[in-house]
Amino acid sequence: MKPVLKMSVLAATILLAVGCQDEKTAETKPAEPAKVEQVATESAAPATFATEDDKAAYAIGASLAQYLAANLDQQKELGLSLSRDQVLAGVTDVFAGNSRLSQEETQQALQDLDHRVSEMVQQQAKAEADKNLKAGEKFRAEFEKKDGVVKTESGLLYHVETAGEGDKPAATDTVKVHYKGTLTDGTEFDSSYKRNQPATFPLNQVIPGWTEGVQLMPVGSKYTFVIPPELAYGSQANPSIPANSTLVFEVELLDIVKADAPAAEVQESAAQ
C-alpha cells in the first residue's frame, strides 16, 4: 500500500506553496512548473507573461494543481471520491471572498477528512497484515514438508544446505555471517552478498529467529531459515518488510568472536 499523507489536502497545499517559494530561492535551475508550461504550449507559441510576478504567480498555481491532482489520486486509492471540481470551486470562492463554508466549518470538514483517511489507512494496513499472516502460514506449511527440514519448538524452520565442522556460537557471541533475506514471494530485502561485505554483530541483538537459528550452526555451515513473524518483526512494518511477514534467510556462518575476547579482537573481526 502506498503511503498516504496524514495531513489534510489544504494544509499540504499551503506547505507546498511555501516549499516552492523556498526552492526557487535556493535553486537556479527552472522549477517544476516550467515543465507544465512547456507541455501546455507544445504545439503553440511559448507562453508569455506581462511581468515576472505574473509568471511566478502562474507557476505557483501550476505547482499546486500538480500536487493536488496527485494527492487526490492517492485518496482515490483509499476509496475516497474527492471532486476536482469542488476543490477548484473552493479555491475560486475563497479568492472571490465568497466561501460557502465558514472558517470553523472548513476546519471541521478537514478534521473529519483526516479522521476518515486515518481509519481507511488502518483498515488497509490490517487487511494487508492479515493477508501476509495467512500467506506465511501457507508457505511454512509447504516448506516443512520438504526433506531435511527441521522445526524447533518455537516454530523456527531450517534446512542444512552445507554442514560445517566448526564450533557453534552462543547467544552472547559476536558472529560474522554472509546472508540473503527474502519475503515468501521471493522479494529480496537485504543481502550482504550484494554489498560484498560480511555482516558482524552480537547474536543477542538481532531478531529472535536469528538468535535461535544461528546458534544451531557450526562455523563453516550454510542454513536456510524460515522465520515466522513472531520470531521476526511481528506486526511492525517497514518499507521493505510488510507487517506479519514470514522471512526466508540463507545464512553462512563464517566466524565467531567469543564474548570474552579482547575488544581489539572484536573490532578487527568487524572490520574484515
Protein backbone atom coordinates (compact mmCIF):
# COMPACT_ATOMS: atom_id res chain seq x y z
CA MET A 1 0.00 0.00 0.00
CA LYS A 2 1.35 3.39 -0.96
CA PRO A 3 1.85 5.87 1.87
CA VAL A 4 -0.95 8.39 2.30
CA LEU A 5 -0.34 11.89 3.62
CA LYS A 6 -1.69 12.23 7.13
CA MET A 7 -2.21 15.99 6.86
CA SER A 8 -5.26 17.48 5.18
CA VAL A 9 -5.20 18.35 1.50
CA LEU A 10 -5.48 22.05 2.27
CA ALA A 11 -2.70 22.02 4.86
CA ALA A 12 -0.44 20.10 2.49
CA THR A 13 -1.18 22.56 -0.27
CA ILE A 14 -0.18 25.51 1.88
CA LEU A 15 3.06 23.76 2.86
CA LEU A 16 3.78 23.03 -0.78
CA ALA A 17 3.31 26.66 -1.74
CA VAL A 18 5.82 27.72 0.89
CA GLY A 19 8.18 24.96 -0.22
CA CYS A 20 8.04 26.13 -3.82
CA GLN A 21 9.00 29.63 -2.73
CA ASP A 22 11.96 28.27 -0.76
CA GLU A 23 13.15 26.08 -3.61
CA LYS A 24 13.12 28.99 -6.05
CA THR A 25 15.34 30.93 -3.71
CA ALA A 26 17.75 28.02 -3.20
CA GLU A 27 17.94 26.74 -6.78
CA THR A 28 18.96 28.37 -10.03
CA LYS A 29 17.58 25.69 -12.36
CA PRO A 30 14.00 26.02 -13.69
CA ALA A 31 11.33 24.89 -11.23
CA GLU A 32 8.88 22.09 -11.98
CA PRO A 33 6.07 24.42 -13.14
CA ALA A 34 8.19 25.30 -16.18
CA LYS A 35 7.55 21.77 -17.44
CA VAL A 36 3.81 22.34 -17.20
CA GLU A 37 4.14 25.46 -19.31
CA GLN A 38 6.15 23.60 -21.95
CA VAL A 39 3.66 20.72 -22.17
CA ALA A 40 0.69 23.06 -22.43
CA THR A 41 2.24 25.03 -25.26
CA GLU A 42 3.94 22.24 -27.19
CA SER A 43 2.10 22.98 -30.41
CA ALA A 44 1.70 26.70 -29.82
CA ALA A 45 3.89 29.74 -29.31
CA PRO A 46 5.75 29.95 -25.99
CA ALA A 47 3.64 31.39 -23.20
CA THR A 48 4.29 35.00 -22.35
CA PHE A 49 3.53 36.95 -19.20
CA ALA A 50 3.26 40.67 -18.65
CA THR A 51 5.63 40.57 -15.68
CA GLU A 52 7.88 38.17 -13.82
CA ASP A 53 5.43 38.38 -10.92
CA ASP A 54 2.63 37.14 -13.20
CA LYS A 55 4.80 34.25 -14.33
CA ALA A 56 5.68 33.36 -10.73
CA ALA A 57 2.01 33.51 -9.71
CA TYR A 58 1.09 31.21 -12.58
CA ALA A 59 3.88 28.83 -11.62
CA ILE A 60 2.59 28.66 -8.04
CA GLY A 61 -0.88 27.78 -9.33
CA ALA A 62 0.52 25.15 -11.68
CA SER A 63 2.55 23.58 -8.86
CA LEU A 64 -0.47 23.47 -6.59
CA ALA A 65 -2.58 21.90 -9.33
CA GLN A 66 0.01 19.18 -9.98
CA TYR A 67 0.31 18.40 -6.31
CA LEU A 68 -3.44 18.38 -5.69
CA ALA A 69 -4.05 16.11 -8.69
CA ALA A 70 -1.50 13.58 -7.39
CA ASN A 71 -2.87 13.82 -3.85
CA LEU A 72 -6.47 13.30 -4.99
CA ASP A 73 -5.38 10.22 -6.93
CA GLN A 74 -3.84 8.82 -3.72
CA GLN A 75 -7.07 9.45 -1.85
CA LYS A 76 -8.97 7.62 -4.60
CA GLU A 77 -6.84 4.53 -3.95
CA LEU A 78 -8.18 4.54 -0.41
CA GLY A 79 -11.77 4.70 -1.66
CA LEU A 80 -12.38 8.41 -1.20
CA SER A 81 -14.09 10.33 -4.00
CA LEU A 82 -12.93 13.95 -3.76
CA SER A 83 -14.21 16.02 -6.67
CA ARG A 84 -11.64 18.08 -8.51
CA ASP A 85 -14.42 20.48 -9.47
CA GLN A 86 -15.26 21.06 -5.81
CA VAL A 87 -11.58 21.59 -4.94
CA LEU A 88 -11.35 24.21 -7.70
CA ALA A 89 -14.63 25.77 -6.57
CA GLY A 90 -13.30 26.10 -3.04
CA VAL A 91 -10.17 27.90 -4.24
CA THR A 92 -12.18 30.18 -6.56
CA ASP A 93 -14.79 31.05 -3.93
CA VAL A 94 -12.23 31.90 -1.26
CA PHE A 95 -10.25 34.06 -3.69
CA ALA A 96 -13.52 35.85 -4.52
CA GLY A 97 -14.32 36.31 -0.81
CA ASN A 98 -17.46 34.21 -1.16
CA SER A 99 -16.72 30.91 0.62
CA ARG A 100 -19.71 28.63 1.21
CA LEU A 101 -18.14 27.45 4.47
CA SER A 102 -17.16 29.46 7.49
CA GLN A 103 -13.60 29.13 8.79
CA GLU A 104 -14.86 26.89 11.60
CA GLU A 105 -16.80 24.69 9.15
CA THR A 106 -13.77 24.43 6.89
CA GLN A 107 -11.54 23.31 9.76
CA GLN A 108 -14.14 20.78 10.92
CA ALA A 109 -14.51 19.32 7.41
CA LEU A 110 -10.75 18.94 7.13
CA GLN A 111 -10.52 17.30 10.56
CA ASP A 112 -13.28 14.90 9.53
CA LEU A 113 -11.36 14.10 6.33
CA ASP A 114 -8.18 13.41 8.27
CA HIS A 115 -10.12 11.11 10.59
CA ARG A 116 -11.64 9.18 7.67
CA VAL A 117 -8.27 8.85 5.93
CA SER A 118 -6.68 7.60 9.16
CA GLU A 119 -9.39 4.95 9.60
CA MET A 120 -9.06 3.81 5.99
CA VAL A 121 -5.27 3.55 6.29
CA GLN A 122 -5.63 1.47 9.45
CA GLN A 123 -8.20 -0.81 7.79
CA GLN A 124 -6.00 -1.36 4.75
CA ALA A 125 -2.96 -1.97 6.95
CA LYS A 126 -4.88 -4.57 8.95
CA ALA A 127 -6.13 -6.27 5.79
CA GLU A 128 -2.58 -6.43 4.41
CA ALA A 129 -1.21 -7.76 7.70
CA ASP A 130 -3.89 -10.47 7.79
CA LYS A 131 -3.10 -11.42 4.20
CA ASN A 132 0.62 -11.65 4.97
CA LEU A 133 -0.08 -13.79 8.02
CA LYS A 134 -2.11 -16.32 6.00
CA ALA A 135 0.42 -16.35 3.15
CA GLY A 136 3.21 -17.01 5.66
CA GLU A 137 1.34 -19.86 7.29
CA LYS A 138 0.79 -21.49 3.91
CA PHE A 139 4.45 -21.03 2.91
CA ARG A 140 5.74 -22.51 6.17
CA ALA A 141 3.40 -25.49 5.90
CA GLU A 142 4.74 -26.27 2.42
CA PHE A 143 8.37 -25.70 3.41
CA GLU A 144 8.02 -28.00 6.42
CA LYS A 145 7.11 -30.91 4.10
CA LYS A 146 10.48 -30.76 2.31
CA ASP A 147 13.09 -33.43 3.04
CA GLY A 148 15.56 -32.46 5.74
CA VAL A 149 13.57 -29.54 7.13
CA VAL A 150 13.57 -29.31 10.94
CA LYS A 151 11.05 -27.40 13.05
CA THR A 152 12.04 -26.21 16.51
CA GLU A 153 9.70 -25.78 19.47
CA SER A 154 9.46 -22.05 18.80
CA GLY A 155 8.24 -22.61 15.23
CA LEU A 156 11.54 -21.80 13.51
CA LEU A 157 12.15 -23.91 10.39
CA TYR A 158 15.58 -24.64 9.00
CA HIS A 159 17.33 -26.75 6.40
CA VAL A 160 21.03 -27.57 6.37
CA GLU A 161 22.44 -26.64 2.95
CA THR A 162 26.10 -27.16 3.86
CA ALA A 163 27.25 -28.82 7.09
CA GLY A 164 30.20 -27.14 8.79
CA GLU A 165 32.55 -28.67 11.33
CA GLY A 166 33.48 -25.67 13.47
CA ASP A 167 32.20 -24.50 16.83
CA LYS A 168 28.66 -23.34 17.42
CA PRO A 169 28.14 -19.81 18.76
CA ALA A 170 26.41 -18.88 21.99
CA ALA A 171 23.79 -16.13 22.15
CA THR A 172 26.35 -13.85 23.79
CA ASP A 173 28.87 -14.28 20.98
CA THR A 174 29.52 -11.93 18.10
CA VAL A 175 29.24 -13.67 14.74
CA LYS A 176 30.38 -12.90 11.22
CA VAL A 177 27.99 -14.07 8.52
CA HIS A 178 27.02 -13.76 4.89
CA TYR A 179 23.28 -13.80 4.29
CA LYS A 180 20.38 -13.06 1.97
CA GLY A 181 16.87 -12.23 3.19
CA THR A 182 13.68 -12.57 1.12
CA LEU A 183 9.94 -12.48 1.59
CA THR A 184 7.91 -15.61 0.83
CA ASP A 185 7.22 -14.33 -2.70
CA GLY A 186 10.96 -14.17 -3.39
CA THR A 187 11.33 -10.40 -2.99
CA GLU A 188 14.82 -9.71 -1.67
CA PHE A 189 15.01 -7.08 1.07
CA ASP A 190 18.61 -7.44 2.25
CA SER A 191 21.83 -9.15 1.18
CA SER A 192 25.39 -8.99 2.44
CA TYR A 193 26.40 -10.78 -0.76
CA LYS A 194 25.28 -7.83 -2.85
CA ARG A 195 27.26 -5.48 -0.60
CA ASN A 196 30.23 -7.86 -0.95
CA GLN A 197 30.75 -7.39 2.78
CA PRO A 198 30.02 -9.93 5.55
CA ALA A 199 27.97 -8.68 8.50
CA THR A 200 29.30 -8.82 12.06
CA PHE A 201 27.02 -8.38 15.07
CA PRO A 202 26.23 -9.65 18.59
CA LEU A 203 23.88 -12.61 18.22
CA ASN A 204 21.64 -11.48 21.07
CA GLN A 205 20.91 -8.14 19.41
CA VAL A 206 19.04 -9.39 16.34
CA ILE A 207 15.57 -10.83 15.76
CA PRO A 208 14.76 -13.93 17.87
CA GLY A 209 14.70 -16.23 14.84
CA TRP A 210 18.32 -15.32 14.08
CA THR A 211 19.42 -15.59 17.70
CA GLU A 212 17.98 -19.09 17.96
CA GLY A 213 18.86 -20.30 14.48
CA VAL A 214 22.48 -19.22 14.19
CA GLN A 215 23.28 -20.94 17.50
CA LEU A 216 22.45 -24.21 15.73
CA MET A 217 25.12 -23.63 13.08
CA PRO A 218 28.71 -24.85 13.25
CA VAL A 219 31.20 -22.42 11.72
CA GLY A 220 31.54 -23.13 8.00
CA SER A 221 27.93 -24.20 7.52
CA LYS A 222 25.14 -22.72 5.44
CA TYR A 223 21.48 -22.94 6.51
CA THR A 224 18.15 -21.80 5.12
CA PHE A 225 15.87 -20.40 7.82
CA VAL A 226 12.15 -19.76 7.50
CA ILE A 227 11.21 -17.45 10.34
CA PRO A 228 7.58 -16.87 11.40
CA PRO A 229 6.56 -13.26 12.13
CA GLU A 230 6.52 -13.76 15.91
CA LEU A 231 10.25 -14.58 15.70
CA ALA A 232 10.92 -11.72 13.26
CA TYR A 233 9.28 -8.28 13.21
CA GLY A 234 5.71 -9.29 14.06
CA SER A 235 3.06 -6.70 13.26
CA GLN A 236 5.70 -3.97 12.87
CA ALA A 237 6.01 -2.91 9.23
CA ASN A 238 8.79 -1.06 7.48
CA PRO A 239 9.29 -0.03 3.83
CA SER A 240 10.96 -3.33 2.87
CA ILE A 241 9.24 -5.80 5.22
CA PRO A 242 5.42 -5.69 5.49
CA ALA A 243 3.64 -6.43 8.76
CA ASN A 244 3.28 -10.08 9.81
CA SER A 245 5.80 -11.27 7.21
CA THR A 246 7.36 -14.70 7.27
CA LEU A 247 11.03 -14.23 6.37
CA VAL A 248 13.39 -16.55 4.49
CA PHE A 249 17.12 -16.27 5.12
CA GLU A 250 20.10 -18.02 3.57
CA VAL A 251 22.88 -17.75 6.17
CA GLU A 252 26.56 -18.72 6.08
CA LEU A 253 28.35 -18.68 9.43
CA LEU A 254 31.88 -17.52 8.69
CA ASP A 255 33.35 -16.94 12.15
CA ILE A 256 32.69 -16.48 15.87
CA VAL A 257 34.13 -13.82 18.14
CA LYS A 258 33.76 -15.01 21.73
CA ALA A 259 32.09 -12.69 24.24
CA ASP A 260 35.18 -12.63 26.44
CA ALA A 261 37.57 -11.81 23.56
CA PRO A 262 39.59 -8.59 23.88
CA ALA A 263 37.92 -5.51 22.44
CA ALA A 264 40.68 -5.11 19.87
CA GLU A 265 39.98 -8.60 18.52
CA VAL A 266 36.25 -7.82 18.18
CA GLN A 267 36.98 -4.61 16.31
CA GLU A 268 39.42 -6.38 13.97
CA SER A 269 36.82 -9.06 13.16
CA ALA A 270 34.13 -6.47 12.49
CA ALA A 271 36.41 -4.62 10.09
CA GLN A 272 37.13 -7.69 7.95
